[in-house]
């Protein structure tokens, strides 16, 4: 029964998360802009919440992190599309967010970053 639930969850996540077309190695370099505030390790909240488990998670839901009201109320489910939009213009996607990062200007950097995050945060 438990294996069936795990398989169903994995299939649901796969169905809602398309793979990014970026370059993982380049994305690792782009992540340097993020890692001052974010970690990829579980329960490692910093200035920003850990990104561990971000794919398929709802905005404002990392345990132990204190979010702004707009982020907790946004109700965004993070996938490659919603993350790409947020990474481009965070304050347009979540008006009132306290994240100070202005966004990535180049679409290829966003694709590369998402490819890197997927390679680090999703199980094969």
N, C-alpha and C. Protein backbone atom coordinates (compact mmCIF):
# COMPACT_ATOMS: atom_id res chain seq x y z
N UNK A 1 0.83 -1.20 0.00
CA UNK A 1 0.00 0.00 0.00
C UNK A 1 0.87 1.26 0.00
N UNK A 2 1.91 1.25 0.85
CA UNK A 2 2.78 2.43 0.94
C UNK A 2 3.51 2.67 -0.37
N UNK A 3 4.00 1.62 -1.03
CA UNK A 3 4.70 1.78 -2.30
C UNK A 3 3.78 2.36 -3.37
N UNK A 4 2.51 1.99 -3.32
CA UNK A 4 1.54 2.52 -4.27
C UNK A 4 1.38 4.03 -4.07
N UNK A 5 1.33 4.46 -2.81
CA UNK A 5 1.20 5.88 -2.52
C UNK A 5 2.43 6.65 -2.98
N UNK A 6 3.60 6.08 -2.76
CA UNK A 6 4.84 6.73 -3.19
C UNK A 6 4.87 6.83 -4.70
N UNK A 7 4.49 5.76 -5.40
CA UNK A 7 4.48 5.77 -6.86
C UNK A 7 3.48 6.80 -7.38
N UNK A 8 2.31 6.87 -6.77
CA UNK A 8 1.29 7.84 -7.20
C UNK A 8 1.79 9.27 -7.01
N UNK A 9 2.46 9.53 -5.90
CA UNK A 9 3.02 10.86 -5.65
C UNK A 9 4.09 11.20 -6.68
N UNK A 10 4.97 10.26 -6.95
CA UNK A 10 6.04 10.48 -7.93
C UNK A 10 5.46 10.76 -9.32
N UNK A 11 4.46 10.00 -9.71
CA UNK A 11 3.84 10.21 -11.02
C UNK A 11 3.15 11.56 -11.10
N UNK A 12 2.51 11.97 -10.02
CA UNK A 12 1.84 13.27 -10.00
C UNK A 12 2.85 14.39 -10.13
N UNK A 13 3.97 14.29 -9.43
CA UNK A 13 5.01 15.31 -9.54
C UNK A 13 5.60 15.34 -10.94
N UNK A 14 5.84 14.17 -11.51
CA UNK A 14 6.41 14.11 -12.85
C UNK A 14 5.45 14.74 -13.86
N UNK A 15 4.17 14.52 -13.67
CA UNK A 15 3.18 15.04 -14.61
C UNK A 15 3.09 16.56 -14.55
N UNK A 16 3.39 17.15 -13.38
CA UNK A 16 3.26 18.59 -13.24
C UNK A 16 4.58 19.33 -13.38
N UNK A 17 5.68 18.61 -13.46
CA UNK A 17 6.98 19.25 -13.56
C UNK A 17 7.66 18.82 -14.84
N UNK A 18 7.72 19.71 -15.80
CA UNK A 18 8.43 19.40 -17.03
C UNK A 18 9.91 19.67 -16.80
N UNK A 19 10.74 18.98 -17.54
CA UNK A 19 12.16 19.16 -17.38
C UNK A 19 12.62 20.43 -18.07
N UNK A 20 13.49 21.16 -17.39
CA UNK A 20 14.04 22.39 -17.96
C UNK A 20 15.03 22.04 -19.07
N UNK A 21 15.13 22.92 -20.05
CA UNK A 21 15.99 22.69 -21.20
C UNK A 21 17.38 23.28 -21.04
N UNK A 22 17.73 23.74 -19.88
CA UNK A 22 18.99 24.44 -19.69
C UNK A 22 20.19 23.53 -19.49
N UNK A 23 21.33 24.17 -19.29
CA UNK A 23 22.61 23.52 -19.09
C UNK A 23 22.89 23.45 -17.59
N UNK A 24 23.02 22.24 -17.06
CA UNK A 24 23.20 22.04 -15.62
C UNK A 24 24.47 22.72 -15.12
N UNK A 25 25.57 22.58 -15.85
CA UNK A 25 26.83 23.18 -15.41
C UNK A 25 26.74 24.71 -15.35
N UNK A 26 26.12 25.30 -16.35
CA UNK A 26 25.93 26.75 -16.33
C UNK A 26 24.98 27.16 -15.21
N UNK A 27 23.96 26.32 -14.97
CA UNK A 27 23.00 26.60 -13.91
C UNK A 27 23.63 26.59 -12.53
N UNK A 28 24.63 25.73 -12.35
CA UNK A 28 25.35 25.70 -11.06
C UNK A 28 26.04 27.04 -10.83
N UNK A 29 26.56 27.64 -11.88
CA UNK A 29 27.20 28.95 -11.77
C UNK A 29 26.16 30.03 -11.47
N UNK A 30 25.01 29.94 -12.11
CA UNK A 30 23.94 30.92 -11.86
C UNK A 30 23.47 30.82 -10.41
N UNK A 31 23.45 29.59 -9.87
CA UNK A 31 22.98 29.40 -8.49
C UNK A 31 23.84 30.15 -7.48
N UNK A 32 25.04 30.51 -7.85
CA UNK A 32 25.89 31.29 -6.94
C UNK A 32 25.21 32.59 -6.54
N UNK A 33 24.34 33.11 -7.41
CA UNK A 33 23.59 34.32 -7.10
C UNK A 33 22.52 34.05 -6.04
N UNK A 34 22.14 32.80 -5.88
CA UNK A 34 21.06 32.42 -4.98
C UNK A 34 21.55 31.90 -3.63
N UNK A 35 22.74 31.28 -3.64
CA UNK A 35 23.15 30.52 -2.46
C UNK A 35 23.53 31.35 -1.25
N UNK A 36 23.67 32.65 -1.39
CA UNK A 36 23.88 33.47 -0.20
C UNK A 36 22.63 33.45 0.69
N UNK A 37 21.48 33.28 0.06
CA UNK A 37 20.21 33.30 0.80
C UNK A 37 19.51 31.94 0.86
N UNK A 38 19.77 31.06 -0.10
CA UNK A 38 19.05 29.79 -0.20
C UNK A 38 20.01 28.60 -0.18
N UNK A 39 19.54 27.51 0.39
CA UNK A 39 20.27 26.25 0.43
C UNK A 39 19.47 25.21 -0.34
N UNK A 40 20.14 24.13 -0.70
CA UNK A 40 19.46 22.99 -1.33
C UNK A 40 19.31 21.84 -0.35
N UNK A 41 19.73 22.05 0.89
CA UNK A 41 19.68 21.00 1.92
C UNK A 41 18.38 21.09 2.72
N UNK A 42 17.85 19.93 3.13
CA UNK A 42 16.63 19.95 3.94
C UNK A 42 16.85 20.72 5.25
N UNK A 43 15.84 21.43 5.66
CA UNK A 43 15.82 22.14 6.95
C UNK A 43 16.95 23.14 7.11
N UNK A 44 17.49 23.66 6.02
CA UNK A 44 18.59 24.61 6.07
C UNK A 44 18.11 25.97 5.58
N UNK A 45 17.20 26.57 6.37
CA UNK A 45 16.70 27.90 6.03
C UNK A 45 17.76 28.93 6.37
N UNK A 46 17.86 29.91 5.52
CA UNK A 46 18.81 31.01 5.72
C UNK A 46 18.03 32.31 5.67
N UNK A 47 18.53 33.32 5.00
CA UNK A 47 17.76 34.55 4.80
C UNK A 47 16.49 34.20 4.02
N UNK A 48 16.62 33.25 3.08
CA UNK A 48 15.50 32.70 2.34
C UNK A 48 15.30 31.25 2.73
N UNK A 49 14.17 30.67 2.37
CA UNK A 49 13.91 29.28 2.74
C UNK A 49 14.78 28.31 1.93
N UNK A 50 14.97 27.12 2.47
CA UNK A 50 15.63 26.08 1.70
C UNK A 50 14.83 25.82 0.43
N UNK A 51 15.52 25.46 -0.63
CA UNK A 51 14.85 25.12 -1.88
C UNK A 51 14.64 23.61 -2.00
N UNK A 52 15.09 22.88 -1.00
CA UNK A 52 14.88 21.44 -0.99
C UNK A 52 13.37 21.16 -1.02
N UNK A 53 12.93 20.37 -1.98
CA UNK A 53 11.51 20.04 -2.09
C UNK A 53 10.67 21.10 -2.77
N UNK A 54 11.29 22.07 -3.42
CA UNK A 54 10.54 23.18 -4.00
C UNK A 54 9.62 22.73 -5.14
N UNK A 55 10.06 21.78 -5.96
CA UNK A 55 9.21 21.34 -7.08
C UNK A 55 7.98 20.61 -6.56
N UNK A 56 6.83 21.16 -6.85
CA UNK A 56 5.57 20.59 -6.39
C UNK A 56 5.08 21.17 -5.08
N UNK A 57 5.90 22.00 -4.43
CA UNK A 57 5.51 22.61 -3.15
C UNK A 57 4.67 23.87 -3.41
N UNK A 58 3.92 24.27 -2.41
CA UNK A 58 3.12 25.49 -2.48
C UNK A 58 3.92 26.64 -1.87
N UNK A 59 3.82 27.81 -2.46
CA UNK A 59 4.54 28.98 -1.96
C UNK A 59 4.23 29.20 -0.48
N UNK A 60 5.27 29.57 0.25
CA UNK A 60 5.10 29.89 1.67
C UNK A 60 4.91 28.69 2.56
N UNK A 61 5.39 27.52 2.15
CA UNK A 61 5.08 26.31 2.93
C UNK A 61 6.28 25.60 3.56
N UNK A 62 7.48 26.17 3.48
CA UNK A 62 8.63 25.52 4.10
C UNK A 62 8.54 25.66 5.62
N UNK A 63 8.57 24.52 6.27
CA UNK A 63 8.49 24.45 7.73
C UNK A 63 9.63 25.25 8.36
N UNK A 64 9.28 26.09 9.32
CA UNK A 64 10.28 26.82 10.08
C UNK A 64 10.76 28.12 9.45
N UNK A 65 10.24 28.47 8.28
CA UNK A 65 10.65 29.73 7.67
C UNK A 65 9.52 30.74 7.81
N UNK A 66 9.87 31.96 8.15
CA UNK A 66 8.88 33.02 8.32
C UNK A 66 8.75 33.82 7.01
N UNK A 67 7.69 33.60 6.31
CA UNK A 67 7.43 34.24 5.02
C UNK A 67 6.66 35.55 5.18
N UNK A 68 6.70 36.35 4.13
CA UNK A 68 5.84 37.53 4.07
C UNK A 68 4.41 37.07 3.84
N UNK A 69 3.47 37.91 4.22
CA UNK A 69 2.06 37.59 3.99
C UNK A 69 1.74 37.31 2.53
N UNK A 70 2.23 38.16 1.61
CA UNK A 70 1.92 37.91 0.20
C UNK A 70 2.42 36.55 -0.30
N UNK A 71 3.56 36.09 0.19
CA UNK A 71 4.07 34.80 -0.27
C UNK A 71 3.22 33.65 0.27
N UNK A 72 2.82 33.73 1.51
CA UNK A 72 1.99 32.65 2.06
C UNK A 72 0.59 32.65 1.46
N UNK A 73 0.12 33.81 1.04
CA UNK A 73 -1.22 33.91 0.48
C UNK A 73 -1.26 33.68 -1.03
N UNK A 74 -0.09 33.61 -1.68
CA UNK A 74 -0.06 33.50 -3.14
C UNK A 74 -0.63 32.17 -3.65
N UNK A 75 -0.44 31.09 -2.92
CA UNK A 75 -0.99 29.80 -3.33
C UNK A 75 -0.39 29.25 -4.61
N UNK A 76 0.84 29.62 -4.91
CA UNK A 76 1.50 29.15 -6.13
C UNK A 76 2.08 27.76 -5.89
N UNK A 77 1.85 26.86 -6.83
CA UNK A 77 2.51 25.56 -6.79
C UNK A 77 3.73 25.68 -7.69
N UNK A 78 4.91 25.46 -7.11
CA UNK A 78 6.16 25.67 -7.85
C UNK A 78 6.46 24.53 -8.80
N UNK A 79 6.54 24.88 -10.06
CA UNK A 79 6.99 23.96 -11.12
C UNK A 79 7.91 24.77 -12.02
N UNK A 80 8.35 24.21 -13.12
CA UNK A 80 9.30 24.94 -13.97
C UNK A 80 8.69 26.23 -14.51
N UNK A 81 7.43 26.24 -14.83
CA UNK A 81 6.80 27.44 -15.37
C UNK A 81 6.65 28.54 -14.33
N UNK A 82 6.14 28.18 -13.15
CA UNK A 82 5.94 29.20 -12.12
C UNK A 82 7.27 29.70 -11.58
N UNK A 83 8.24 28.80 -11.44
CA UNK A 83 9.57 29.23 -10.99
C UNK A 83 10.24 30.12 -12.02
N UNK A 84 10.10 29.80 -13.30
CA UNK A 84 10.70 30.63 -14.35
C UNK A 84 10.14 32.05 -14.30
N UNK A 85 8.84 32.16 -14.16
CA UNK A 85 8.22 33.49 -14.08
C UNK A 85 8.70 34.24 -12.84
N UNK A 86 8.76 33.54 -11.71
CA UNK A 86 9.20 34.17 -10.46
C UNK A 86 10.66 34.59 -10.54
N UNK A 87 11.50 33.74 -11.11
CA UNK A 87 12.93 34.06 -11.22
C UNK A 87 13.17 35.25 -12.14
N UNK A 88 12.30 35.45 -13.10
CA UNK A 88 12.44 36.59 -14.01
C UNK A 88 12.04 37.90 -13.32
N UNK A 89 10.91 37.88 -12.64
CA UNK A 89 10.40 39.10 -12.00
C UNK A 89 9.64 38.74 -10.73
N UNK A 90 10.36 38.48 -9.65
CA UNK A 90 9.71 38.04 -8.41
C UNK A 90 8.58 38.95 -7.93
N UNK A 91 8.80 40.24 -7.97
CA UNK A 91 7.80 41.17 -7.44
C UNK A 91 6.58 41.32 -8.35
N UNK A 92 6.70 40.91 -9.61
CA UNK A 92 5.53 40.89 -10.50
C UNK A 92 4.67 39.65 -10.22
N UNK A 93 5.33 38.54 -9.90
CA UNK A 93 4.61 37.29 -9.65
C UNK A 93 3.98 37.29 -8.26
N UNK A 94 4.72 37.80 -7.28
CA UNK A 94 4.21 37.90 -5.91
C UNK A 94 4.41 39.34 -5.43
N UNK A 95 3.48 40.23 -5.78
CA UNK A 95 3.60 41.62 -5.33
C UNK A 95 3.66 41.68 -3.80
N UNK A 96 4.64 42.42 -3.30
CA UNK A 96 4.80 42.53 -1.85
C UNK A 96 5.75 41.52 -1.25
N UNK A 97 6.33 40.63 -2.08
CA UNK A 97 7.29 39.69 -1.54
C UNK A 97 8.47 40.45 -0.94
N UNK A 98 9.06 39.91 0.09
CA UNK A 98 10.21 40.57 0.71
C UNK A 98 11.53 40.11 0.11
N UNK A 99 11.48 39.22 -0.87
CA UNK A 99 12.71 38.79 -1.51
C UNK A 99 13.31 39.98 -2.25
N UNK A 100 14.55 40.31 -1.90
CA UNK A 100 15.20 41.50 -2.45
C UNK A 100 15.76 41.29 -3.85
N UNK A 101 15.93 40.06 -4.27
CA UNK A 101 16.52 39.77 -5.57
C UNK A 101 15.62 40.31 -6.68
N UNK A 102 16.17 41.08 -7.62
CA UNK A 102 15.34 41.70 -8.66
C UNK A 102 14.93 40.75 -9.78
N UNK A 103 15.61 39.63 -9.91
CA UNK A 103 15.29 38.68 -10.97
C UNK A 103 16.45 38.49 -11.92
N UNK A 104 16.38 37.42 -12.69
CA UNK A 104 17.39 37.13 -13.71
C UNK A 104 16.92 37.73 -15.02
N UNK A 105 17.80 38.44 -15.69
CA UNK A 105 17.43 39.14 -16.93
C UNK A 105 17.41 38.24 -18.15
N UNK A 106 18.29 37.24 -18.19
CA UNK A 106 18.43 36.41 -19.39
C UNK A 106 17.64 35.10 -19.25
N UNK A 107 16.72 34.84 -20.18
CA UNK A 107 15.94 33.60 -20.13
C UNK A 107 16.81 32.33 -20.09
N UNK A 108 17.96 32.37 -20.77
CA UNK A 108 18.81 31.18 -20.76
C UNK A 108 19.40 30.92 -19.37
N UNK A 109 19.62 31.97 -18.59
CA UNK A 109 20.09 31.78 -17.21
C UNK A 109 19.01 31.11 -16.37
N UNK A 110 17.77 31.48 -16.60
CA UNK A 110 16.66 30.86 -15.87
C UNK A 110 16.56 29.39 -16.25
N UNK A 111 16.63 29.08 -17.53
CA UNK A 111 16.59 27.68 -17.97
C UNK A 111 17.74 26.88 -17.37
N UNK A 112 18.94 27.47 -17.37
CA UNK A 112 20.11 26.80 -16.82
C UNK A 112 19.93 26.56 -15.31
N UNK A 113 19.46 27.57 -14.60
CA UNK A 113 19.25 27.44 -13.16
C UNK A 113 18.21 26.37 -12.86
N UNK A 114 17.12 26.36 -13.60
CA UNK A 114 16.09 25.34 -13.37
C UNK A 114 16.62 23.94 -13.67
N UNK A 115 17.42 23.80 -14.70
CA UNK A 115 18.02 22.49 -15.01
C UNK A 115 18.92 22.05 -13.87
N UNK A 116 19.69 22.97 -13.33
CA UNK A 116 20.57 22.65 -12.19
C UNK A 116 19.74 22.25 -10.97
N UNK A 117 18.72 23.03 -10.65
CA UNK A 117 17.90 22.72 -9.48
C UNK A 117 17.24 21.35 -9.65
N UNK A 118 16.74 21.06 -10.83
CA UNK A 118 16.13 19.75 -11.06
C UNK A 118 17.15 18.63 -10.90
N UNK A 119 18.36 18.86 -11.37
CA UNK A 119 19.39 17.81 -11.27
C UNK A 119 19.77 17.57 -9.81
N UNK A 120 19.70 18.60 -8.99
CA UNK A 120 20.08 18.47 -7.59
C UNK A 120 18.92 18.05 -6.67
N UNK A 121 17.71 18.39 -7.06
CA UNK A 121 16.59 18.24 -6.13
C UNK A 121 15.58 17.15 -6.49
N UNK A 122 15.74 16.54 -7.64
CA UNK A 122 14.81 15.47 -8.00
C UNK A 122 15.56 14.15 -8.06
N UNK A 123 14.88 13.12 -7.64
CA UNK A 123 15.49 11.80 -7.64
C UNK A 123 15.26 11.14 -8.98
N UNK A 124 16.25 10.45 -9.43
CA UNK A 124 16.16 9.73 -10.71
C UNK A 124 15.40 8.45 -10.53
